[in-house]
Amino acid sequence: MNNNFIKIFKSFKSTYDIYIHLRFIMWIVIFNEYILDFYLLEGESMVPTFKPYGEIVILNKITPKFIDYKKNDVICILSPCDNTVKMCKRIIHDENESFLNKNGTLITVPKNHIWVEGDNKSNSLDSRQLGPISKHLIIGRVSFRVWPLRNFGLFRQKTEECIINDIKQSNL
């Protein structure tokens, strides 16, 4: 057995100490898994909403269980190609919604799926390449900015009009 592991357990004064520490660890795991989680944004797919590297956000995992995700929400999902990779994207179309893609093809988003895209259309791996994304791959909704500190605070989900204006300004 690992000597460091043995040293840690010998440092506890009683079984009660072990019990308290295990409960604390359990609560951290439950909190991370079901309530809130931190996410480090990496990549350029969500520019101009987020800087390409180094922004930290909090994902809300609990309210989506009561209030469904909606169009324009910024969410974190597991990649449908590799479930060890997380991606931050914006919901563009909801389930059962039909739309014409860039090629003029009619696409209908299946039940229990969403269509997601990055705000930086020229540099984003999203539903345009991957197709509709299962709602089961959603990790949580971006709710709070933590880092950098100048952006610290509640993340406000934008309307479609605001998103279009931001994208136009970033392309000037």
Protein backbone atom coordinates (compact mmCIF):
# COMPACT_ATOMS: atom_id res chain seq x y z
CA MET A 1 0.00 0.00 0.00
CA ASN A 2 1.16 3.55 -0.71
CA ASN A 3 3.14 5.00 2.25
CA ASN A 4 1.61 8.48 1.78
CA PHE A 5 -1.87 7.00 2.04
CA ILE A 6 -0.93 5.23 5.29
CA LYS A 7 0.59 8.45 6.72
CA ILE A 8 -2.60 10.38 6.00
CA PHE A 9 -4.77 7.84 7.83
CA LYS A 10 -2.36 7.64 10.77
CA SER A 11 -2.66 11.42 11.14
CA PHE A 12 -6.36 11.12 12.01
CA LYS A 13 -6.97 11.06 15.75
CA SER A 14 -10.04 8.87 15.64
CA THR A 15 -12.49 7.00 13.48
CA TYR A 16 -14.72 10.06 13.83
CA ASP A 17 -12.04 12.19 12.08
CA ILE A 18 -12.00 9.74 9.19
CA TYR A 19 -15.81 9.81 9.06
CA ILE A 20 -15.88 13.66 8.93
CA HIS A 21 -13.24 13.82 6.21
CA LEU A 22 -14.97 11.18 4.10
CA ARG A 23 -18.30 13.03 4.40
CA PHE A 24 -16.60 16.26 3.34
CA ILE A 25 -15.09 14.56 0.28
CA MET A 26 -18.46 13.00 -0.52
CA TRP A 27 -20.18 16.41 -0.43
CA ILE A 28 -17.55 17.92 -2.72
CA VAL A 29 -18.03 15.09 -5.22
CA ILE A 30 -21.84 15.39 -5.09
CA PHE A 31 -21.65 19.19 -5.41
CA ASN A 32 -19.36 18.93 -8.46
CA GLU A 33 -21.35 16.17 -10.10
CA TYR A 34 -24.90 17.46 -9.62
CA ILE A 35 -24.96 21.16 -8.67
CA LEU A 36 -22.09 23.34 -9.95
CA ASP A 37 -18.80 22.73 -11.71
CA PHE A 38 -15.89 24.89 -12.85
CA TYR A 39 -14.89 24.90 -16.51
CA LEU A 40 -11.73 26.32 -18.09
CA LEU A 41 -12.50 27.64 -21.56
CA GLU A 42 -9.90 26.79 -24.18
CA GLY A 43 -10.09 27.50 -27.89
CA GLU A 44 -11.47 30.14 -30.20
CA SER A 45 -14.92 28.75 -30.96
CA MET A 46 -16.77 31.12 -28.58
CA VAL A 47 -14.98 34.37 -29.50
CA PRO A 48 -16.19 37.17 -29.04
CA THR A 49 -18.32 35.97 -26.11
CA PHE A 50 -15.24 34.54 -24.37
CA LYS A 51 -11.53 35.13 -24.81
CA PRO A 52 -9.77 32.26 -26.59
CA TYR A 53 -7.84 30.95 -23.56
CA GLY A 54 -7.93 31.23 -19.80
CA GLU A 55 -11.49 32.20 -18.90
CA ILE A 56 -13.01 30.18 -16.05
CA VAL A 57 -16.78 29.84 -15.73
CA ILE A 58 -19.17 28.03 -13.43
CA LEU A 59 -21.59 25.56 -14.97
CA ASN A 60 -25.02 25.33 -13.40
CA LYS A 61 -26.09 21.69 -13.37
CA ILE A 62 -29.10 21.87 -11.07
CA THR A 63 -31.57 24.40 -12.53
CA PRO A 64 -31.61 22.71 -15.97
CA LYS A 65 -33.21 19.73 -14.25
CA PHE A 66 -36.19 22.01 -13.53
CA ILE A 67 -35.96 24.65 -16.29
CA ASP A 68 -35.18 23.26 -19.73
CA TYR A 69 -32.35 24.59 -21.87
CA LYS A 70 -33.46 27.12 -24.43
CA LYS A 71 -32.28 28.71 -27.64
CA ASN A 72 -29.19 30.96 -27.20
CA ASP A 73 -28.12 29.38 -23.89
CA VAL A 74 -24.36 28.92 -23.66
CA ILE A 75 -23.71 25.39 -22.46
CA CYS A 76 -20.92 22.92 -21.94
CA ILE A 77 -21.28 19.51 -23.61
CA LEU A 78 -19.29 16.32 -23.93
CA SER A 79 -18.01 15.82 -27.46
CA PRO A 80 -20.09 13.17 -29.27
CA CYS A 81 -16.81 11.89 -30.79
CA ASP A 82 -14.80 11.65 -27.55
CA ASN A 83 -16.60 11.83 -24.19
CA THR A 84 -13.38 12.91 -22.45
CA VAL A 85 -13.47 16.22 -24.37
CA LYS A 86 -15.68 19.08 -23.19
CA MET A 87 -16.91 21.81 -25.54
CA CYS A 88 -18.56 25.16 -24.87
CA LYS A 89 -21.23 26.09 -27.46
CA ARG A 90 -24.44 28.06 -27.91
CA ILE A 91 -27.81 26.40 -28.53
CA ILE A 92 -29.01 27.57 -31.95
CA HIS A 93 -31.99 25.26 -32.54
CA ASP A 94 -34.16 23.21 -30.17
CA GLU A 95 -35.54 19.72 -30.61
CA ASN A 96 -38.20 19.31 -33.32
CA GLU A 97 -37.18 22.66 -34.86
CA SER A 98 -36.65 22.76 -38.64
CA PHE A 99 -34.33 25.15 -40.47
CA LEU A 100 -32.43 25.54 -43.74
CA ASN A 101 -28.68 25.11 -43.49
CA LYS A 102 -26.11 27.10 -45.48
CA ASN A 103 -26.54 24.76 -48.47
CA GLY A 104 -30.32 25.17 -48.47
CA THR A 105 -30.97 21.69 -47.05
CA LEU A 106 -33.89 21.35 -44.65
CA ILE A 107 -32.74 20.00 -41.30
CA THR A 108 -35.04 18.93 -38.47
CA VAL A 109 -33.50 18.54 -35.02
CA PRO A 110 -34.66 15.19 -33.58
CA LYS A 111 -36.42 14.81 -30.23
CA ASN A 112 -34.04 14.99 -27.23
CA HIS A 113 -31.38 16.70 -29.35
CA ILE A 114 -30.19 20.27 -29.87
CA TRP A 115 -28.23 22.10 -32.56
CA VAL A 116 -25.18 23.90 -31.16
CA GLU A 117 -22.66 26.23 -32.76
CA GLY A 118 -19.74 28.30 -31.59
CA ASP A 119 -20.04 32.08 -31.88
CA ASN A 120 -16.86 32.10 -33.99
CA LYS A 121 -18.33 30.30 -37.02
CA SER A 122 -15.01 30.21 -38.90
CA ASN A 123 -13.24 28.33 -36.10
CA SER A 124 -15.68 25.99 -34.39
CA LEU A 125 -16.31 22.26 -34.40
CA ASP A 126 -20.05 22.03 -33.79
CA SER A 127 -23.36 20.69 -35.11
CA ARG A 128 -22.54 21.92 -38.60
CA GLN A 129 -19.95 19.11 -38.73
CA LEU A 130 -21.22 16.77 -35.99
CA GLY A 131 -24.97 16.99 -36.55
CA PRO A 132 -27.59 17.30 -33.77
CA ILE A 133 -26.24 16.75 -30.25
CA SER A 134 -28.03 14.51 -27.76
CA LYS A 135 -29.28 16.37 -24.67
CA HIS A 136 -27.68 13.58 -22.63
CA LEU A 137 -24.28 15.07 -23.52
CA ILE A 138 -25.06 18.41 -21.85
CA ILE A 139 -22.98 19.00 -18.73
CA GLY A 140 -24.45 22.34 -17.68
CA ARG A 141 -25.37 25.94 -18.51
CA VAL A 142 -22.74 28.68 -18.19
CA SER A 143 -24.01 30.81 -15.30
CA PHE A 144 -21.10 32.69 -13.77
CA ARG A 145 -17.72 34.09 -14.84
CA VAL A 146 -14.94 33.53 -12.32
CA TRP A 147 -11.77 34.50 -14.20
CA PRO A 148 -10.44 36.95 -15.25
CA LEU A 149 -11.53 38.97 -12.24
CA ARG A 150 -12.47 42.02 -14.35
CA ASN A 151 -15.31 39.86 -15.79
CA PHE A 152 -16.26 38.30 -12.43
CA GLY A 153 -20.01 37.99 -12.04
CA LEU A 154 -23.23 36.54 -13.33
CA PHE A 155 -23.10 35.46 -16.99
CA ARG A 156 -26.08 36.90 -18.79
CA GLN A 157 -27.42 34.78 -21.63
CA LYS A 158 -27.79 37.04 -24.68
CA THR A 159 -30.65 37.49 -27.08
CA GLU A 160 -30.21 36.52 -30.72
CA GLU A 161 -30.01 40.19 -31.76
CA CYS A 162 -27.15 40.89 -29.31
CA ILE A 163 -25.25 37.84 -30.54
CA ILE A 164 -25.54 38.93 -34.19
CA ASN A 165 -24.31 42.45 -33.30
CA ASP A 166 -21.31 41.05 -31.35
CA ILE A 167 -20.33 38.80 -34.26
CA LYS A 168 -20.65 41.66 -36.78
CA GLN A 169 -18.46 43.92 -34.61
CA SER A 170 -15.78 41.23 -34.17
CA ASN A 171 -15.59 40.76 -37.97
CA LEU A 172 -14.98 44.46 -38.70
